[in-house]
Amino acid sequence: MIGQYWAVIGLLAVAAFAIRVTGLIAGGRIRASHHAWMLDELPGLIVVSLVASSLAGQPLSTWIAAGLALGVAIGTNHVIATMAAGMAAFAGLAWLGV
């Protein structure tokens, strides 16, 4: 291989290592700060943002199924029951032509 390729590989390796070290240092400082509570809520916030952005522009049947799934999620706190209820609601509404 040409030396330029080795230089790019070395640069990428150093960059990957620097990103990981920076993440460890930043994570340690955030955990020690008064903003640590945000880390506990972050996974849920990411899921909510993904679901909300995927619902934008969807038909009414999708919103109804998502609302039913939200109700099941609040009531049962069970992921599989929530997915099953949402899928069943969506399929039922499609079958009814809504």
PDB file of N, CA and C in Angstrom:
ATOM      1  N   MET A   1       0.834  -1.185   0.000  1.00  0.00           N
ATOM      2  CA  MET A   1       0.000   0.000   0.000  1.00  0.00           C
ATOM      3  C   MET A   1       0.877   1.246   0.000  1.00  0.00           C
ATOM      4  N   ILE A   2       0.269   2.291  -0.482  1.00  0.00           N
ATOM      5  CA  ILE A   2       0.957   3.579  -0.542  1.00  0.00           C
ATOM      6  C   ILE A   2       0.966   4.207   0.853  1.00  0.00           C
ATOM      7  N   GLY A   3       1.962   5.002   1.105  1.00  0.00           N
ATOM      8  CA  GLY A   3       2.089   5.657   2.396  1.00  0.00           C
ATOM      9  C   GLY A   3       0.909   6.552   2.733  1.00  0.00           C
ATOM     10  N   GLN A   4       0.264   7.100   1.703  1.00  0.00           N
ATOM     11  CA  GLN A   4      -0.898   7.959   1.966  1.00  0.00           C
ATOM     12  C   GLN A   4      -2.030   7.160   2.614  1.00  0.00           C
ATOM     13  N   TYR A   5      -2.217   5.926   2.177  1.00  0.00           N
ATOM     14  CA  TYR A   5      -3.259   5.093   2.765  1.00  0.00           C
ATOM     15  C   TYR A   5      -2.962   4.804   4.231  1.00  0.00           C
ATOM     16  N   TRP A   6      -1.704   4.503   4.515  1.00  0.00           N
ATOM     17  CA  TRP A   6      -1.318   4.255   5.903  1.00  0.00           C
ATOM     18  C   TRP A   6      -1.519   5.511   6.750  1.00  0.00           C
ATOM     19  N   ALA A   7      -1.256   6.665   6.171  1.00  0.00           N
ATOM     20  CA  ALA A   7      -1.472   7.923   6.899  1.00  0.00           C
ATOM     21  C   ALA A   7      -2.946   8.122   7.216  1.00  0.00           C
ATOM     22  N   VAL A   8      -3.826   7.823   6.271  1.00  0.00           N
ATOM     23  CA  VAL A   8      -5.264   7.960   6.496  1.00  0.00           C
ATOM     24  C   VAL A   8      -5.729   6.967   7.554  1.00  0.00           C
ATOM     25  N   ILE A   9      -5.254   5.727   7.456  1.00  0.00           N
ATOM     26  CA  ILE A   9      -5.627   4.711   8.453  1.00  0.00           C
ATOM     27  C   ILE A   9      -5.151   5.139   9.839  1.00  0.00           C
ATOM     28  N   GLY A  10      -3.922   5.625   9.937  1.00  0.00           N
ATOM     29  CA  GLY A  10      -3.399   6.083  11.225  1.00  0.00           C
ATOM     30  C   GLY A  10      -4.179   7.273  11.764  1.00  0.00           C
ATOM     31  N   LEU A  11      -4.515   8.216  10.897  1.00  0.00           N
ATOM     32  CA  LEU A  11      -5.288   9.383  11.315  1.00  0.00           C
ATOM     33  C   LEU A  11      -6.675   8.977  11.813  1.00  0.00           C
ATOM     34  N   LEU A  12      -7.312   8.043  11.115  1.00  0.00           N
ATOM     35  CA  LEU A  12      -8.631   7.570  11.546  1.00  0.00           C
ATOM     36  C   LEU A  12      -8.550   6.828  12.878  1.00  0.00           C
ATOM     37  N   ALA A  13      -7.493   6.064  13.078  1.00  0.00           N
ATOM     38  CA  ALA A  13      -7.316   5.360  14.351  1.00  0.00           C
ATOM     39  C   ALA A  13      -7.124   6.345  15.493  1.00  0.00           C
ATOM     40  N   VAL A  14      -6.317   7.359  15.280  1.00  0.00           N
ATOM     41  CA  VAL A  14      -6.101   8.381  16.310  1.00  0.00           C
ATOM     42  C   VAL A  14      -7.398   9.136  16.594  1.00  0.00           C
ATOM     43  N   ALA A  15      -8.144   9.468  15.536  1.00  0.00           N
ATOM     44  CA  ALA A  15      -9.413  10.181  15.720  1.00  0.00           C
ATOM     45  C   ALA A  15     -10.412   9.330  16.499  1.00  0.00           C
ATOM     46  N   ALA A  16     -10.505   8.042  16.187  1.00  0.00           N
ATOM     47  CA  ALA A  16     -11.425   7.165  16.906  1.00  0.00           C
ATOM     48  C   ALA A  16     -11.032   7.066  18.376  1.00  0.00           C
ATOM     49  N   PHE A  17      -9.742   6.937  18.644  1.00  0.00           N
ATOM     50  CA  PHE A  17      -9.279   6.877  20.022  1.00  0.00           C
ATOM     51  C   PHE A  17      -9.566   8.183  20.753  1.00  0.00           C
ATOM     52  N   ALA A  18      -9.341   9.313  20.096  1.00  0.00           N
ATOM     53  CA  ALA A  18      -9.573  10.619  20.717  1.00  0.00           C
ATOM     54  C   ALA A  18     -11.058  10.822  21.023  1.00  0.00           C
ATOM     55  N   ILE A  19     -11.920  10.371  20.140  1.00  0.00           N
ATOM     56  CA  ILE A  19     -13.354  10.499  20.376  1.00  0.00           C
ATOM     57  C   ILE A  19     -13.762   9.683  21.605  1.00  0.00           C
ATOM     58  N   ARG A  20     -13.239   8.482  21.724  1.00  0.00           N
ATOM     59  CA  ARG A  20     -13.586   7.637  22.880  1.00  0.00           C
ATOM     60  C   ARG A  20     -13.054   8.215  24.187  1.00  0.00           C
ATOM     61  N   VAL A  21     -11.843   8.699  24.175  1.00  0.00           N
ATOM     62  CA  VAL A  21     -11.270   9.285  25.390  1.00  0.00           C
ATOM     63  C   VAL A  21     -12.038  10.542  25.774  1.00  0.00           C
ATOM     64  N   THR A  22     -12.370  11.371  24.782  1.00  0.00           N
ATOM     65  CA  THR A  22     -13.144  12.577  25.059  1.00  0.00           C
ATOM     66  C   THR A  22     -14.510  12.227  25.634  1.00  0.00           C
ATOM     67  N   GLY A  23     -15.148  11.193  25.095  1.00  0.00           N
ATOM     68  CA  GLY A  23     -16.437  10.748  25.625  1.00  0.00           C
ATOM     69  C   GLY A  23     -16.335  10.274  27.058  1.00  0.00           C
ATOM     70  N   LEU A  24     -15.280   9.538  27.384  1.00  0.00           N
ATOM     71  CA  LEU A  24     -15.082   9.079  28.762  1.00  0.00           C
ATOM     72  C   LEU A  24     -14.875  10.246  29.717  1.00  0.00           C
ATOM     73  N   ILE A  25     -14.065  11.199  29.294  1.00  0.00           N
ATOM     74  CA  ILE A  25     -13.803  12.357  30.153  1.00  0.00           C
ATOM     75  C   ILE A  25     -15.066  13.195  30.328  1.00  0.00           C
ATOM     76  N   ALA A  26     -15.751  13.474  29.210  1.00  0.00           N
ATOM     77  CA  ALA A  26     -16.976  14.275  29.284  1.00  0.00           C
ATOM     78  C   ALA A  26     -18.049  13.548  30.078  1.00  0.00           C
ATOM     79  N   GLY A  27     -18.187  12.238  29.882  1.00  0.00           N
ATOM     80  CA  GLY A  27     -19.178  11.467  30.625  1.00  0.00           C
ATOM     81  C   GLY A  27     -18.916  11.487  32.117  1.00  0.00           C
ATOM     82  N   GLY A  28     -17.669  11.381  32.498  1.00  0.00           N
ATOM     83  CA  GLY A  28     -17.322  11.441  33.916  1.00  0.00           C
ATOM     84  C   GLY A  28     -17.637  12.790  34.531  1.00  0.00           C
ATOM     85  N   ARG A  29     -17.374  13.843  33.775  1.00  0.00           N
ATOM     86  CA  ARG A  29     -17.665  15.182  34.306  1.00  0.00           C
ATOM     87  C   ARG A  29     -19.162  15.448  34.374  1.00  0.00           C
ATOM     88  N   ILE A  30     -19.903  14.943  33.385  1.00  0.00           N
ATOM     89  CA  ILE A  30     -21.361  15.141  33.411  1.00  0.00           C
ATOM     90  C   ILE A  30     -21.973  14.356  34.560  1.00  0.00           C
ATOM     91  N   ARG A  31     -21.509  13.132  34.793  1.00  0.00           N
ATOM     92  CA  ARG A  31     -22.039  12.328  35.904  1.00  0.00           C
ATOM     93  C   ARG A  31     -21.781  12.987  37.251  1.00  0.00           C
ATOM     94  N   ALA A  32     -20.694  13.734  37.350  1.00  0.00           N
ATOM     95  CA  ALA A  32     -20.346  14.398  38.605  1.00  0.00           C
ATOM     96  C   ALA A  32     -21.054  15.745  38.754  1.00  0.00           C
ATOM     97  N   SER A  33     -21.681  16.252  37.698  1.00  0.00           N
ATOM     98  CA  SER A  33     -22.316  17.564  37.760  1.00  0.00           C
ATOM     99  C   SER A  33     -23.778  17.453  38.178  1.00  0.00           C
ATOM    100  N   HIS A  34     -24.434  18.599  38.271  1.00  0.00           N
ATOM    101  CA  HIS A  34     -25.844  18.603  38.625  1.00  0.00           C
ATOM    102  C   HIS A  34     -26.738  18.340  37.410  1.00  0.00           C
ATOM    103  N   HIS A  35     -26.153  18.074  36.251  1.00  0.00           N
ATOM    104  CA  HIS A  35     -26.911  17.728  35.042  1.00  0.00           C
ATOM    105  C   HIS A  35     -27.006  16.216  34.838  1.00  0.00           C
ATOM    106  N   ALA A  36     -26.590  15.434  35.806  1.00  0.00           N
ATOM    107  CA  ALA A  36     -26.561  13.983  35.670  1.00  0.00           C
ATOM    108  C   ALA A  36     -27.953  13.385  35.477  1.00  0.00           C
ATOM    109  N   TRP A  37     -28.978  14.029  35.974  1.00  0.00           N
ATOM    110  CA  TRP A  37     -30.346  13.507  35.834  1.00  0.00           C
ATOM    111  C   TRP A  37     -30.749  13.392  34.364  1.00  0.00           C
ATOM    112  N   MET A  38     -30.157  14.204  33.495  1.00  0.00           N
ATOM    113  CA  MET A  38     -30.505  14.142  32.072  1.00  0.00           C
ATOM    114  C   MET A  38     -30.065  12.829  31.441  1.00  0.00           C
ATOM    115  N   LEU A  39     -28.990  12.253  31.918  1.00  0.00           N
ATOM    116  CA  LEU A  39     -28.518  10.984  31.370  1.00  0.00           C
ATOM    117  C   LEU A  39     -29.511   9.864  31.633  1.00  0.00           C
ATOM    118  N   ASP A  40     -30.216   9.926  32.764  1.00  0.00           N
ATOM    119  CA  ASP A  40     -31.211   8.902  33.077  1.00  0.00           C
ATOM    120  C   ASP A  40     -32.410   8.988  32.138  1.00  0.00           C
ATOM    121  N   GLU A  41     -32.751  10.183  31.707  1.00  0.00           N
ATOM    122  CA  GLU A  41     -33.925  10.385  30.857  1.00  0.00           C
ATOM    123  C   GLU A  41     -33.613  10.305  29.365  1.00  0.00           C
ATOM    124  N   LEU A  42     -32.351  10.292  29.005  1.00  0.00           N
ATOM    125  CA  LEU A  42     -31.960  10.360  27.602  1.00  0.00           C
ATOM    126  C   LEU A  42     -32.493   9.228  26.725  1.00  0.00           C
ATOM    127  N   PRO A  43     -32.440   7.955  27.118  1.00  0.00           N
ATOM    128  CA  PRO A  43     -32.965   6.897  26.244  1.00  0.00           C
ATOM    129  C   PRO A  43     -34.445   7.076  25.920  1.00  0.00           C
ATOM    130  N   GLY A  44     -35.238   7.429  26.919  1.00  0.00           N
ATOM    131  CA  GLY A  44     -36.660   7.649  26.670  1.00  0.00           C
ATOM    132  C   GLY A  44     -36.908   8.839  25.762  1.00  0.00           C
ATOM    133  N   LEU A  45     -36.133   9.894  25.954  1.00  0.00           N
ATOM    134  CA  LEU A  45     -36.293  11.069  25.110  1.00  0.00           C
ATOM    135  C   LEU A  45     -35.932  10.777  23.659  1.00  0.00           C
ATOM    136  N   ILE A  46     -34.930   9.952  23.449  1.00  0.00           N
ATOM    137  CA  ILE A  46     -34.547   9.589  22.079  1.00  0.00           C
ATOM    138  C   ILE A  46     -35.653   8.788  21.423  1.00  0.00           C
ATOM    139  N   VAL A  47     -36.226   7.828  22.140  1.00  0.00           N
ATOM    140  CA  VAL A  47     -37.311   7.017  21.581  1.00  0.00           C
ATOM    141  C   VAL A  47     -38.514   7.886  21.249  1.00  0.00           C
ATOM    142  N   VAL A  48     -38.878   8.781  22.154  1.00  0.00           N
ATOM    143  CA  VAL A  48     -40.023   9.657  21.916  1.00  0.00           C
ATOM    144  C   VAL A  48     -39.781  10.542  20.704  1.00  0.00           C
ATOM    145  N   SER A  49     -38.581  11.072  20.560  1.00  0.00           N
ATOM    146  CA  SER A  49     -38.305  11.929  19.403  1.00  0.00           C
ATOM    147  C   SER A  49     -38.349  11.145  18.098  1.00  0.00           C
ATOM    148  N   LEU A  50     -37.874   9.903  18.111  1.00  0.00           N
ATOM    149  CA  LEU A  50     -37.942   9.078  16.900  1.00  0.00           C
ATOM    150  C   LEU A  50     -39.380   8.744  16.527  1.00  0.00           C
ATOM    151  N   VAL A  51     -40.191   8.394  17.527  1.00  0.00           N
ATOM    152  CA  VAL A  51     -41.584   8.058  17.260  1.00  0.00           C
ATOM    153  C   VAL A  51     -42.343   9.295  16.792  1.00  0.00           C
ATOM    154  N   ALA A  52     -42.128  10.420  17.445  1.00  0.00           N
ATOM    155  CA  ALA A  52     -42.838  11.646  17.083  1.00  0.00           C
ATOM    156  C   ALA A  52     -42.487  12.089  15.665  1.00  0.00           C
ATOM    157  N   SER A  53     -41.226  12.000  15.300  1.00  0.00           N
ATOM    158  CA  SER A  53     -40.845  12.417  13.949  1.00  0.00           C
ATOM    159  C   SER A  53     -41.356  11.435  12.899  1.00  0.00           C
ATOM    160  N   SER A  54     -41.501  10.172  13.255  1.00  0.00           N
ATOM    161  CA  SER A  54     -42.025   9.212  12.278  1.00  0.00           C
ATOM    162  C   SER A  54     -43.532   9.336  12.128  1.00  0.00           C
ATOM    163  N   LEU A  55     -44.228   9.896  13.111  1.00  0.00           N
ATOM    164  CA  LEU A  55     -45.677  10.078  13.003  1.00  0.00           C
ATOM    165  C   LEU A  55     -46.052  11.311  12.190  1.00  0.00           C
ATOM    166  N   ALA A  56     -45.132  12.220  12.011  1.00  0.00           N
ATOM    167  CA  ALA A  56     -45.438  13.439  11.266  1.00  0.00           C
ATOM    168  C   ALA A  56     -45.841  13.099   9.834  1.00  0.00           C
ATOM    169  N   GLY A  57     -46.993  13.585   9.436  1.00  0.00           N
ATOM    170  CA  GLY A  57     -47.468  13.372   8.067  1.00  0.00           C
ATOM    171  C   GLY A  57     -48.134  12.034   7.828  1.00  0.00           C
ATOM    172  N   GLN A  58     -48.373  11.259   8.872  1.00  0.00           N
ATOM    173  CA  GLN A  58     -49.001   9.949   8.710  1.00  0.00           C
ATOM    174  C   GLN A  58     -50.526  10.084   8.735  1.00  0.00           C
ATOM    175  N   PRO A  59     -51.231   9.113   8.170  1.00  0.00           N
ATOM    176  CA  PRO A  59     -52.702   9.187   8.161  1.00  0.00           C
ATOM    177  C   PRO A  59     -53.294   8.981   9.548  1.00  0.00           C
ATOM    178  N   LEU A  60     -54.593   9.241   9.667  1.00  0.00           N
ATOM    179  CA  LEU A  60     -55.294   9.174  10.941  1.00  0.00           C
ATOM    180  C   LEU A  60     -55.209   7.792  11.576  1.00  0.00           C
ATOM    181  N   SER A  61     -55.271   6.738  10.777  1.00  0.00           N
ATOM    182  CA  SER A  61     -55.222   5.386  11.347  1.00  0.00           C
ATOM    183  C   SER A  61     -53.906   5.132  12.083  1.00  0.00           C
ATOM    184  N   THR A  62     -52.827   5.680  11.596  1.00  0.00           N
ATOM    185  CA  THR A  62     -51.536   5.528  12.259  1.00  0.00           C
ATOM    186  C   THR A  62     -51.537   6.250  13.599  1.00  0.00           C
ATOM    187  N   TRP A  63     -52.123   7.429  13.628  1.00  0.00           N
ATOM    188  CA  TRP A  63     -52.206   8.189  14.876  1.00  0.00           C
ATOM    189  C   TRP A  63     -53.088   7.483  15.898  1.00  0.00           C
ATOM    190  N   ILE A  64     -54.184   6.908  15.438  1.00  0.00           N
ATOM    191  CA  ILE A  64     -55.071   6.185  16.354  1.00  0.00           C
ATOM    192  C   ILE A  64     -54.357   4.968  16.936  1.00  0.00           C
ATOM    193  N   ALA A  65     -53.683   4.216  16.082  1.00  0.00           N
ATOM    194  CA  ALA A  65     -52.937   3.043  16.558  1.00  0.00           C
ATOM    195  C   ALA A  65     -51.829   3.461  17.519  1.00  0.00           C
ATOM    196  N   ALA A  66     -51.159   4.568  17.225  1.00  0.00           N
ATOM    197  CA  ALA A  66     -50.105   5.044  18.119  1.00  0.00           C
ATOM    198  C   ALA A  66     -50.686   5.489  19.457  1.00  0.00           C
ATOM    199  N   GLY A  67     -51.856   6.127  19.429  1.00  0.00           N
ATOM    200  CA  GLY A  67     -52.509   6.519  20.678  1.00  0.00           C
ATOM    201  C   GLY A  67     -52.905   5.320  21.517  1.00  0.00           C
ATOM    202  N   LEU A  68     -53.418   4.290  20.863  1.00  0.00           N
ATOM    203  CA  LEU A  68     -53.768   3.061  21.581  1.00  0.00           C
ATOM    204  C   LEU A  68     -52.519   2.410  22.159  1.00  0.00           C
ATOM    205  N   ALA A  69     -51.456   2.372  21.377  1.00  0.00           N
ATOM    206  CA  ALA A  69     -50.201   1.804  21.876  1.00  0.00           C
ATOM    207  C   ALA A  69     -49.676   2.605  23.055  1.00  0.00           C
ATOM    208  N   LEU A  70     -49.816   3.920  23.013  1.00  0.00           N
ATOM    209  CA  LEU A  70     -49.398   4.746  24.142  1.00  0.00           C
ATOM    210  C   LEU A  70     -50.208   4.414  25.390  1.00  0.00           C
ATOM    211  N   GLY A  71     -51.514   4.243  25.206  1.00  0.00           N
ATOM    212  CA  GLY A  71     -52.356   3.869  26.343  1.00  0.00           C
ATOM    213  C   GLY A  71     -51.958   2.535  26.938  1.00  0.00           C
ATOM    214  N   VAL A  72     -51.670   1.562  26.090  1.00  0.00           N
ATOM    215  CA  VAL A  72     -51.238   0.246  26.580  1.00  0.00           C
ATOM    216  C   VAL A  72     -49.881   0.366  27.275  1.00  0.00           C
ATOM    217  N   ALA A  73     -48.987   1.186  26.724  1.00  0.00           N
ATOM    218  CA  ALA A  73     -47.668   1.366  27.342  1.00  0.00           C
ATOM    219  C   ALA A  73     -47.792   1.985  28.722  1.00  0.00           C
ATOM    220  N   ILE A  74     -48.666   2.973  28.860  1.00  0.00           N
ATOM    221  CA  ILE A  74     -48.857   3.604  30.164  1.00  0.00           C
ATOM    222  C   ILE A  74     -49.506   2.634  31.140  1.00  0.00           C
ATOM    223  N   GLY A  75     -50.488   1.883  30.645  1.00  0.00           N
ATOM    224  CA  GLY A  75     -51.221   0.974  31.524  1.00  0.00           C
ATOM    225  C   GLY A  75     -50.455  -0.261  31.944  1.00  0.00           C
ATOM    226  N   THR A  76     -49.678  -0.829  31.029  1.00  0.00           N
ATOM    227  CA  THR A  76     -49.026  -2.103  31.334  1.00  0.00           C
ATOM    228  C   THR A  76     -47.528  -1.996  31.571  1.00  0.00           C
ATOM    229  N   ASN A  77     -46.876  -0.991  30.988  1.00  0.00           N
ATOM    230  CA  ASN A  77     -45.418  -0.856  31.034  1.00  0.00           C
ATOM    231  C   ASN A  77     -44.746  -2.125  30.512  1.00  0.00           C
ATOM    232  N   HIS A  78     -45.322  -2.693  29.456  1.00  0.00           N
ATOM    233  CA  HIS A  78     -44.825  -3.933  28.861  1.00  0.00           C
ATOM    234  C   HIS A  78     -44.592  -3.693  27.368  1.00  0.00           C
ATOM    235  N   VAL A  79     -43.354  -3.838  26.925  1.00  0.00           N
ATOM    236  CA  VAL A  79     -42.987  -3.497  25.558  1.00  0.00           C
ATOM    237  C   VAL A  79     -43.701  -4.389  24.540  1.00  0.00           C
ATOM    238  N   ILE A  80     -43.730  -5.682  24.784  1.00  0.00           N
ATOM    239  CA  ILE A  80     -44.328  -6.609  23.815  1.00  0.00           C
ATOM    240  C   ILE A  80     -45.831  -6.391  23.720  1.00  0.00           C
ATOM    241  N   ALA A  81     -46.489  -6.166  24.855  1.00  0.00           N
ATOM    242  CA  ALA A  81     -47.931  -5.887  24.824  1.00  0.00           C
ATOM    243  C   ALA A  81     -48.206  -4.592  24.072  1.00  0.00           C
ATOM    244  N   THR A  82     -47.353  -3.601  24.248  1.00  0.00           N
ATOM    245  CA  THR A  82     -47.510  -2.327  23.540  1.00  0.00           C
ATOM    246  C   THR A  82     -47.369  -2.520  22.042  1.00  0.00           C
ATOM    247  N   MET A  83     -46.344  -3.258  21.619  1.00  0.00           N
ATOM    248  CA  MET A  83     -46.154  -3.497  20.187  1.00  0.00           C
ATOM    249  C   MET A  83     -47.299  -4.305  19.610  1.00  0.00           C
ATOM    250  N   ALA A  84     -47.744  -5.316  20.318  1.00  0.00           N
ATOM    251  CA  ALA A  84     -48.841  -6.153  19.827  1.00  0.00           C
ATOM    252  C   ALA A  84     -50.131  -5.347  19.710  1.00  0.00           C
ATOM    253  N   ALA A  85     -50.413  -4.515  20.692  1.00  0.00           N
ATOM    254  CA  ALA A  85     -51.627  -3.708  20.646  1.00  0.00           C
ATOM    255  C   ALA A  85     -51.574  -2.693  19.515  1.00  0.00           C
ATOM    256  N   GLY A  86     -50.435  -2.068  19.327  1.00  0.00           N
ATOM    257  CA  GLY A  86     -50.286  -1.103  18.248  1.00  0.00           C
ATOM    258  C   GLY A  86     -50.441  -1.741  16.881  1.00  0.00           C
ATOM    259  N   MET A  87     -49.805  -2.879  16.695  1.00  0.00           N
ATOM    260  CA  MET A  87     -49.909  -3.583  15.413  1.00  0.00           C
ATOM    261  C   MET A  87     -51.332  -4.089  15.174  1.00  0.00           C
ATOM    262  N   ALA A  88     -51.963  -4.613  16.215  1.00  0.00           N
ATOM    263  CA  ALA A  88     -53.332  -5.101  16.076  1.00  0.00           C
ATOM    264  C   ALA A  88     -54.284  -3.952  15.756  1.00  0.00           C
ATOM    265  N   ALA A  89     -54.088  -2.811  16.405  1.00  0.00           N
ATOM    266  CA  ALA A  89     -54.934  -1.647  16.128  1.00  0.00           C
ATOM    267  C   ALA A  89     -54.736  -1.165  14.697  1.00  0.00           C
ATOM    268  N   PHE A  90     -53.497  -1.103  14.257  1.00  0.00           N
ATOM    269  CA  PHE A  90     -53.221  -0.655  12.889  1.00  0.00           C
ATOM    270  C   PHE A  90     -53.806  -1.621  11.869  1.00  0.00           C
ATOM    271  N   ALA A  91     -53.630  -2.914  12.103  1.00  0.00           N
ATOM    272  CA  ALA A  91     -54.171  -3.915  11.181  1.00  0.00           C
ATOM    273  C   ALA A  91     -55.705  -3.890  11.182  1.00  0.00           C
ATOM    274  N   GLY A  92     -56.299  -3.741  12.366  1.00  0.00           N
ATOM    275  CA  GLY A  92     -57.753  -3.676  12.448  1.00  0.00           C
ATOM    276  C   GLY A  92     -58.310  -2.449  11.747  1.00  0.00           C
ATOM    277  N   LEU A  93     -57.664  -1.319  11.912  1.00  0.00           N
ATOM    278  CA  LEU A  93     -58.117  -0.107  11.247  1.00  0.00           C
ATOM    279  C   LEU A  93     -57.941  -0.209   9.735  1.00  0.00           C
ATOM    280  N   ALA A  94     -56.867  -0.840   9.286  1.00  0.00           N
ATOM    281  CA  ALA A  94     -56.680  -1.047   7.851  1.00  0.00           C
ATOM    282  C   ALA A  94     -57.740  -1.992   7.303  1.00  0.00           C
ATOM    283  N   TRP A  95     -58.082  -3.019   8.068  1.00  0.00           N
ATOM    284  CA  TRP A  95     -59.102  -3.967   7.659  1.00  0.00           C
ATOM    285  C   TRP A  95     -60.471  -3.298   7.559  1.00  0.00           C
ATOM    286  N   LEU A  96     -60.729  -2.347   8.486  1.00  0.00           N
ATOM    287  CA  LEU A  96     -61.988  -1.616   8.468  1.00  0.00           C
ATOM    288  C   LEU A  96     -62.008  -0.511   7.411  1.00  0.00           C
ATOM    289  N   GLY A  97     -60.843  -0.207   6.865  1.00  0.00           N
ATOM    290  CA  GLY A  97     -60.769   0.820   5.822  1.00  0.00           C
ATOM    291  C   GLY A  97     -60.645   2.235   6.359  1.00  0.00           C
ATOM    292  N   VAL A  98     -60.226   2.372   7.592  1.00  0.00           N
ATOM    293  CA  VAL A  98     -60.090   3.704   8.194  1.00  0.00           C
ATOM    294  C   VAL A  98     -58.760   4.295   7.809  1.00  0.00           C
TER     295      VAL A  98
END
